[in-house]
């Protein structure tokens, strides 16, 4: 039978991999209303607590009153408004690069940049744990595409030796499911020796890493000649939506001319750019947000380790608890939910088979008391889950 979707869906359910959308009935925040119930959430990427900030909301409202609610057209027709231009200039200054270019989503930015830079006869080399949008971009580019072992510079070097044409080495800055950092200094050094360019998607690093929140490039003290292509998203630490690429004037002009997801889509609402400008201002001036977030990360890791939980090597707000089996990860997530906490179970194919986990994410909007509640619940649930396993063995 053609398109036997029912069988495919049944197989996914049987493998404990079926996904369902929780219905959020409140703004983003530590305490949320989900599916009719008040829950303490540890699964949002709103790292600095700006998604529901009153000043950001006010900036959006004022922007809508001044500029309307729709972009109206693509940037190259009549959709490139003054707020878009001002945000691009602010992001270029923030990243220390000559120019920046807005995209409507992070997925579109990655597809657009990679397919504009490389094609048939070129080479794309990617970390095995890169985000799906980067992997899809490499496949869609038509270039020779290969993945190196996660954060393994020797593995990258072997593939660089076989590269042909223009070669683009691509890595997440912060790996979204593990929370660890790319070894950018070593990666950039290898790429430079091979005359390859480096592209970093720092979706989870902007706002959380670096002395001023400038991300992983600032964290490691690297420059534009180390990382030629820098991509960031605005829907995480910035609390709004969209994405950008920052780099040289030639790079950005090439994106305007050749990046199809940029050329052939309506611009984001100008009011959204107004809101993001306010988010950027708060990110740069309210340093306490990153300081509080760092303390939350330290306290969580210390408390989770004391409970005997298997953490991953992450210095970021992404703090996965490795469970292994998908069914056990779902059960642990359910047990936490019964206690009023929302922590998402991440399962294959998002992560490799046998590495299902609870992906705890922390926000500057969380209090120490809320963190303690999470640790207390984990201290109750994990032994209970172990007892259930022993009973069923």
Protein backbone atom coordinates (compact mmCIF):
# COMPACT_ATOMS: atom_id res chain seq x y z
CA UNK A 1 0.00 0.00 0.00
CA UNK A 2 1.37 3.43 -0.92
CA UNK A 3 1.97 5.94 1.89
CA UNK A 4 1.25 3.49 4.71
CA UNK A 5 1.51 6.21 7.34
CA UNK A 6 -0.50 4.26 9.91
CA UNK A 7 2.16 1.56 10.08
CA UNK A 8 4.95 4.09 10.39
CA UNK A 9 3.14 5.84 13.24
CA UNK A 10 2.42 2.52 15.00
CA UNK A 11 6.08 1.56 14.79
CA UNK A 12 7.09 4.85 16.35
CA UNK A 13 4.62 4.40 19.20
CA UNK A 14 5.85 0.86 19.84
CA UNK A 15 9.45 2.07 20.03
CA UNK A 16 8.55 4.69 22.67
CA UNK A 17 9.54 7.40 20.18
CA UNK A 18 6.15 8.98 19.49
CA UNK A 19 6.13 12.73 19.91
CA UNK A 20 3.27 14.87 21.15
CA UNK A 21 2.94 18.64 21.47
CA UNK A 22 2.21 20.01 24.93
CA UNK A 23 -0.22 22.93 24.73
CA UNK A 24 1.25 26.05 26.34
CA UNK A 25 -1.57 28.23 27.71
CA UNK A 26 0.54 30.99 29.24
CA UNK A 27 3.56 33.11 28.32
CA UNK A 28 7.02 31.59 28.59
CA UNK A 29 8.46 31.65 32.09
CA UNK A 30 9.57 29.39 34.94
CA UNK A 31 5.93 28.74 35.89
CA UNK A 32 3.70 27.91 32.95
CA UNK A 33 0.22 26.63 32.22
CA UNK A 34 0.48 23.48 30.10
CA UNK A 35 -2.46 21.27 29.12
CA UNK A 36 -4.58 22.91 31.81
CA UNK A 37 -2.06 22.48 34.63
CA UNK A 38 0.37 24.83 36.37
CA UNK A 39 3.91 23.45 36.04
CA UNK A 40 7.44 24.54 36.89
CA UNK A 41 9.26 24.33 33.56
CA UNK A 42 12.88 23.34 32.99
CA UNK A 43 12.73 22.81 29.22
CA UNK A 44 12.69 26.25 27.59
CA UNK A 45 15.60 27.84 25.68
CA UNK A 46 14.68 31.25 27.12
CA UNK A 47 18.08 31.34 28.81
CA UNK A 48 18.04 34.97 29.98
CA UNK A 49 14.33 35.17 30.79
CA UNK A 50 13.58 37.79 28.12
CA UNK A 51 10.74 36.09 26.22
CA UNK A 52 8.10 37.69 28.46
CA UNK A 53 10.07 40.73 29.63
CA UNK A 54 7.79 43.80 29.94
CA UNK A 55 10.24 46.11 28.16
CA UNK A 56 10.56 43.69 25.24
CA UNK A 57 6.77 43.41 25.03
CA UNK A 58 6.46 47.19 25.13
CA UNK A 59 9.02 47.54 22.34
CA UNK A 60 7.05 45.06 20.21
CA UNK A 61 3.79 46.92 20.85
CA UNK A 62 5.35 50.28 20.03
CA UNK A 63 6.91 48.78 16.91
CA UNK A 64 3.57 47.39 15.76
CA UNK A 65 1.91 50.77 16.31
CA UNK A 66 4.64 52.49 14.25
CA UNK A 67 5.43 49.86 11.58
CA UNK A 68 2.41 47.55 11.43
CA UNK A 69 2.31 43.81 12.03
CA UNK A 70 3.64 42.30 8.79
CA UNK A 71 6.81 42.52 6.73
CA UNK A 72 4.68 42.72 3.61
CA UNK A 73 7.26 41.46 1.11
CA UNK A 74 10.72 39.99 0.82
CA UNK A 75 13.69 42.10 1.86
CA UNK A 76 14.69 42.60 -1.77
CA UNK A 77 11.28 43.90 -2.85
CA UNK A 78 9.85 46.28 -0.26
CA UNK A 79 10.07 44.30 3.00
CA UNK A 80 13.36 45.64 4.37
CA UNK A 81 12.24 48.16 6.99
CA UNK A 82 14.22 50.60 9.10
CA UNK A 83 13.96 48.37 12.24
CA UNK A 84 15.43 45.44 10.27
CA UNK A 85 18.32 47.61 9.14
CA UNK A 86 18.93 48.98 12.65
CA UNK A 87 18.92 45.46 14.12
CA UNK A 88 21.40 44.22 11.52
CA UNK A 89 23.73 47.10 12.32
CA UNK A 90 23.40 46.44 16.07
CA UNK A 91 24.11 42.72 15.65
CA UNK A 92 27.16 43.46 13.50
CA UNK A 93 28.50 45.77 16.19
CA UNK A 94 27.68 43.25 18.93
CA UNK A 95 29.58 40.46 17.17
CA UNK A 96 32.47 42.72 16.15
CA UNK A 97 31.93 42.09 12.44
CA UNK A 98 31.43 44.49 9.54
CA UNK A 99 27.92 43.33 8.65
CA UNK A 100 25.03 41.09 9.67
CA UNK A 101 21.97 39.81 7.83
CA UNK A 102 18.60 38.80 9.28
CA UNK A 103 16.85 35.55 8.44
CA UNK A 104 13.32 34.59 9.46
CA UNK A 105 14.42 31.38 11.24
CA UNK A 106 17.61 29.64 12.26
CA UNK A 107 16.83 26.69 10.01
CA UNK A 108 16.52 29.04 7.03
CA UNK A 109 19.74 30.81 7.94
CA UNK A 110 21.75 27.59 7.98
CA UNK A 111 20.23 26.27 4.75
CA UNK A 112 20.70 29.64 3.06
CA UNK A 113 24.30 30.21 4.10
CA UNK A 114 25.63 26.75 3.28
CA UNK A 115 23.89 26.39 -0.07
CA UNK A 116 25.04 29.89 -1.07
CA UNK A 117 28.69 29.19 -0.22
CA UNK A 118 29.31 25.69 -1.57
CA UNK A 119 28.04 23.39 -4.29
CA UNK A 120 29.08 20.61 -6.61
CA UNK A 121 32.86 20.11 -6.55
CA UNK A 122 33.20 21.61 -3.05
CA UNK A 123 33.38 19.94 0.39
CA UNK A 124 31.33 20.29 3.57
CA UNK A 125 32.67 18.73 6.79
CA UNK A 126 30.43 18.66 9.86
CA UNK A 127 30.52 17.51 13.45
CA UNK A 128 28.49 14.32 13.81
CA UNK A 129 26.31 15.93 16.52
CA UNK A 130 25.50 19.12 14.62
CA UNK A 131 21.93 20.40 14.61
CA UNK A 132 19.60 18.87 12.00
CA UNK A 133 19.44 22.15 10.07
CA UNK A 134 23.20 22.09 9.51
CA UNK A 135 23.18 18.45 8.42
CA UNK A 136 20.30 19.11 6.04
CA UNK A 137 22.12 22.16 4.67
CA UNK A 138 25.20 20.08 3.91
CA UNK A 139 23.13 17.47 2.08
CA UNK A 140 21.15 20.06 0.12
CA UNK A 141 24.24 21.99 -0.97
CA UNK A 142 25.28 19.36 -3.51
CA UNK A 143 28.84 19.50 -2.19
CA UNK A 144 30.72 16.41 -1.08
CA UNK A 145 29.42 15.94 2.46
CA UNK A 146 31.13 14.10 5.33
CA UNK A 147 30.82 14.07 9.10
CA UNK A 148 33.72 13.84 11.53
CA UNK A 149 33.52 12.27 14.99
CA UNK A 150 32.17 14.58 17.67
CA UNK A 151 34.76 17.16 18.73
CA UNK A 152 37.49 14.89 17.35
CA UNK A 153 40.15 17.02 15.66
CA UNK A 154 42.06 13.98 14.37
CA UNK A 155 38.87 12.76 12.69
CA UNK A 156 38.39 16.21 11.15
CA UNK A 157 41.97 16.29 9.94
CA UNK A 158 41.58 12.97 8.10
CA UNK A 159 38.61 14.36 6.22
CA UNK A 160 40.35 17.65 5.50
CA UNK A 161 43.14 15.72 3.78
CA UNK A 162 40.58 14.32 1.33
CA UNK A 163 38.69 17.59 0.77
CA UNK A 164 38.36 19.16 -2.69
CA UNK A 165 37.24 22.57 -3.91
CA UNK A 166 36.08 25.22 -1.48
CA UNK A 167 35.94 23.51 1.92
CA UNK A 168 33.57 24.58 4.69
CA UNK A 169 33.98 23.16 8.20
CA UNK A 170 30.75 23.53 10.18
CA UNK A 171 30.10 23.09 13.89
CA UNK A 172 27.57 24.01 16.50
CA UNK A 173 29.06 26.34 19.09
CA UNK A 174 27.11 24.71 21.92
CA UNK A 175 25.71 21.28 21.08
CA UNK A 176 22.00 21.54 21.72
CA UNK A 177 21.36 18.06 23.15
CA UNK A 178 24.62 17.59 25.08
CA UNK A 179 25.36 21.15 26.18
CA UNK A 180 29.11 20.81 25.58
CA UNK A 181 31.25 23.29 23.65
CA UNK A 182 32.93 22.83 20.30
CA UNK A 183 36.72 22.74 20.55
CA UNK A 184 36.87 25.84 18.38
CA UNK A 185 40.52 26.83 18.87
CA UNK A 186 41.74 23.44 17.63
CA UNK A 187 39.08 23.22 14.93
CA UNK A 188 39.97 26.67 13.57
CA UNK A 189 43.69 25.89 13.60
CA UNK A 190 43.16 22.71 11.55
CA UNK A 191 40.86 24.48 9.11
CA UNK A 192 43.33 27.32 8.64
CA UNK A 193 46.12 24.87 7.82
CA UNK A 194 43.89 23.31 5.17
CA UNK A 195 42.80 26.69 3.74
CA UNK A 196 39.20 25.92 4.72
CA UNK A 197 36.56 28.26 6.09
CA UNK A 198 34.84 27.73 9.45
CA UNK A 199 31.12 28.25 10.04
CA UNK A 200 29.75 28.20 13.58
CA UNK A 201 26.08 28.07 14.51
CA UNK A 202 26.13 29.63 17.97
CA UNK A 203 22.39 29.39 18.60
CA UNK A 204 22.83 28.32 22.23
CA UNK A 205 25.98 30.33 22.96
CA UNK A 206 24.89 33.89 22.21
CA UNK A 207 23.85 35.60 25.41
CA UNK A 208 25.19 32.88 27.69
CA UNK A 209 28.91 32.59 26.86
CA UNK A 210 31.65 35.19 26.76
CA UNK A 211 32.45 38.18 28.95
CA UNK A 212 29.66 40.26 27.37
CA UNK A 213 27.39 37.44 26.18
CA UNK A 214 28.97 37.51 22.72
CA UNK A 215 28.98 33.72 22.50
CA UNK A 216 31.55 31.01 21.96
CA UNK A 217 33.77 33.05 19.64
CA UNK A 218 34.15 35.67 22.37
CA UNK A 219 34.51 32.92 24.98
CA UNK A 220 37.59 31.54 23.21
CA UNK A 221 38.96 34.94 22.14
CA UNK A 222 38.73 34.13 18.43
CA UNK A 223 38.39 36.57 15.53
CA UNK A 224 36.72 36.77 12.12
CA UNK A 225 39.75 35.29 10.38
CA UNK A 226 39.29 32.21 12.61
CA UNK A 227 35.51 31.89 12.20
CA UNK A 228 34.57 33.40 8.87
CA UNK A 229 30.83 32.63 9.12
CA UNK A 230 28.96 33.22 12.37
CA UNK A 231 25.28 32.29 12.70
CA UNK A 232 23.05 33.00 15.66
CA UNK A 233 19.38 32.63 16.50
CA UNK A 234 17.20 35.17 18.26
CA UNK A 235 14.59 32.82 19.73
CA UNK A 236 16.73 31.57 22.60
CA UNK A 237 18.73 33.94 24.84
CA UNK A 238 17.31 36.95 22.96
CA UNK A 239 13.77 35.76 23.73
CA UNK A 240 12.22 36.76 20.38
CA UNK A 241 12.49 34.99 16.99
CA UNK A 242 14.55 34.81 13.82
CA UNK A 243 18.25 34.43 13.11
CA UNK A 244 21.24 36.22 11.65
CA UNK A 245 24.57 35.62 9.96
CA UNK A 246 27.50 37.94 10.66
CA UNK A 247 30.76 38.30 8.78
CA UNK A 248 32.60 40.30 6.17
CA UNK A 249 30.89 42.72 3.79
CA UNK A 250 31.54 40.32 0.91
CA UNK A 251 30.02 37.40 2.81
CA UNK A 252 26.83 39.31 3.62
CA UNK A 253 26.51 40.66 0.09
CA UNK A 254 26.91 37.11 -1.23
CA UNK A 255 24.05 36.02 1.05
CA UNK A 256 21.83 38.81 -0.30
CA UNK A 257 22.58 37.69 -3.84
CA UNK A 258 22.61 33.89 -3.51
CA UNK A 259 20.90 32.68 -0.30
CA UNK A 260 17.55 31.44 -1.57
CA UNK A 261 15.80 31.22 1.85
CA UNK A 262 16.64 34.91 2.30
CA UNK A 263 15.69 36.02 -1.20
CA UNK A 264 12.42 34.13 -1.52
CA UNK A 265 10.65 34.72 1.78
CA UNK A 266 8.74 37.56 3.38
CA UNK A 267 10.71 39.52 5.96
CA UNK A 268 9.91 39.07 9.63
CA UNK A 269 7.56 41.69 11.13
CA UNK A 270 9.38 44.98 11.73
CA UNK A 271 7.91 45.05 15.24
CA UNK A 272 9.81 41.84 15.98
CA UNK A 273 13.05 43.61 15.09
CA UNK A 274 12.08 46.42 17.48
CA UNK A 275 11.56 43.88 20.26
CA UNK A 276 14.89 42.19 19.51
CA UNK A 277 16.71 45.52 19.66
CA UNK A 278 15.38 45.93 23.20
CA UNK A 279 16.42 42.34 24.04
CA UNK A 280 19.93 43.07 22.81
CA UNK A 281 20.07 46.18 24.98
CA UNK A 282 19.01 44.19 28.07
CA UNK A 283 21.45 41.41 27.23
CA UNK A 284 24.30 43.91 27.12
CA UNK A 285 23.39 45.97 30.19
CA UNK A 286 21.86 43.55 32.70
CA UNK A 287 24.93 41.46 33.46
CA UNK A 288 23.26 39.98 36.53
CA UNK A 289 21.29 37.67 34.23
CA UNK A 290 24.38 35.77 33.10
CA UNK A 291 25.86 35.84 36.60
CA UNK A 292 22.69 34.36 38.13
CA UNK A 293 22.49 31.79 35.35
CA UNK A 294 26.09 30.71 36.00
CA UNK A 295 25.30 30.21 39.68
CA UNK A 296 22.21 28.16 38.82
CA UNK A 297 24.33 25.92 36.57
CA UNK A 298 26.92 25.45 39.32
CA UNK A 299 24.29 24.62 41.94
CA UNK A 300 22.44 22.20 39.68
CA UNK A 301 25.57 20.26 38.75
CA UNK A 302 26.67 20.09 42.36
CA UNK A 303 23.25 18.91 43.53
CA UNK A 304 22.71 16.43 40.71
CA UNK A 305 26.15 14.93 41.22
CA UNK A 306 25.39 14.49 44.92
CA UNK A 307 22.26 12.56 43.90
CA UNK A 308 24.37 10.24 41.76
CA UNK A 309 22.81 11.36 38.47
CA UNK A 310 24.75 10.84 35.25
CA UNK A 311 25.37 14.31 33.85
CA UNK A 312 27.10 15.23 30.62
CA UNK A 313 30.12 17.51 30.29
CA UNK A 314 28.25 20.80 29.97
CA UNK A 315 29.15 24.25 31.33
CA UNK A 316 26.02 25.74 29.75
CA UNK A 317 22.32 26.10 30.67
CA UNK A 318 21.71 22.80 28.84
CA UNK A 319 22.15 20.12 31.51
CA UNK A 320 21.17 16.66 30.20
CA UNK A 321 20.63 13.78 32.60
CA UNK A 322 21.59 10.62 30.72
CA UNK A 323 19.02 7.82 31.14
CA UNK A 324 19.72 5.53 28.17
CA UNK A 325 16.45 3.74 27.44
CA UNK A 326 13.68 5.78 25.80
CA UNK A 327 10.93 4.19 27.90
CA UNK A 328 12.78 4.97 31.14
CA UNK A 329 13.36 8.57 30.04
CA UNK A 330 9.65 8.98 29.32
CA UNK A 331 8.74 7.44 32.67
CA UNK A 332 11.10 9.74 34.57
CA UNK A 333 9.69 12.77 32.75
CA UNK A 334 6.17 11.60 33.65
CA UNK A 335 7.08 11.13 37.32
CA UNK A 336 8.43 14.68 37.47
CA UNK A 337 5.30 15.99 35.79
CA UNK A 338 3.17 14.27 38.43
CA UNK A 339 5.10 16.37 40.94
CA UNK A 340 4.44 19.58 39.01
CA UNK A 341 7.68 19.84 37.02
CA UNK A 342 8.03 19.88 33.24
CA UNK A 343 11.29 18.36 31.95
CA UNK A 344 11.32 16.94 28.44
CA UNK A 345 12.55 13.45 27.58
CA UNK A 346 14.76 13.58 24.48
CA UNK A 347 14.85 10.34 22.47
CA UNK A 348 16.15 9.04 19.14
CA UNK A 349 16.34 10.13 16.39
CA UNK A 350 17.11 13.48 18.02
CA UNK A 351 19.91 11.78 19.96
CA UNK A 352 21.78 8.53 19.20
CA UNK A 353 20.14 5.22 20.11
CA UNK A 354 20.74 4.26 23.74
CA UNK A 355 21.34 7.85 24.89
CA UNK A 356 17.82 9.01 25.74
CA UNK A 357 17.92 11.73 28.36
CA UNK A 358 16.10 14.38 30.31
CA UNK A 359 17.19 17.71 28.87
CA UNK A 360 17.14 20.12 31.80
CA UNK A 361 17.49 23.73 30.69
CA UNK A 362 18.04 26.58 33.11
CA UNK A 363 17.01 30.22 32.78
CA UNK A 364 18.02 33.40 34.53
CA UNK A 365 14.33 33.66 35.39
CA UNK A 366 14.58 30.59 37.66
CA UNK A 367 15.06 31.18 41.37
CA UNK A 368 17.31 29.14 43.64
CA UNK A 369 14.17 27.89 45.40
CA UNK A 370 12.77 26.58 42.11
CA UNK A 371 16.05 24.85 41.37
CA UNK A 372 15.98 23.22 44.80
CA UNK A 373 12.47 21.95 44.05
CA UNK A 374 13.75 20.29 40.88
CA UNK A 375 16.64 18.63 42.70
CA UNK A 376 14.34 17.46 45.48
CA UNK A 377 11.96 15.91 42.93
CA UNK A 378 14.84 14.20 41.12
CA UNK A 379 16.00 12.83 44.46
CA UNK A 380 12.57 11.24 44.92
CA UNK A 381 11.93 10.06 41.36
CA UNK A 382 15.23 8.46 40.43
CA UNK A 383 15.28 5.91 43.28
CA UNK A 384 11.60 5.17 42.60
CA UNK A 385 12.39 4.53 38.93
CA UNK A 386 15.25 2.22 39.94
CA UNK A 387 12.90 0.30 42.22
CA UNK A 388 10.38 -0.10 39.41
CA UNK A 389 13.15 -1.42 37.16
CA UNK A 390 14.18 -3.95 39.80
CA UNK A 391 10.56 -5.06 40.27
CA UNK A 392 10.07 -5.65 36.54
CA UNK A 393 13.45 -7.38 36.08
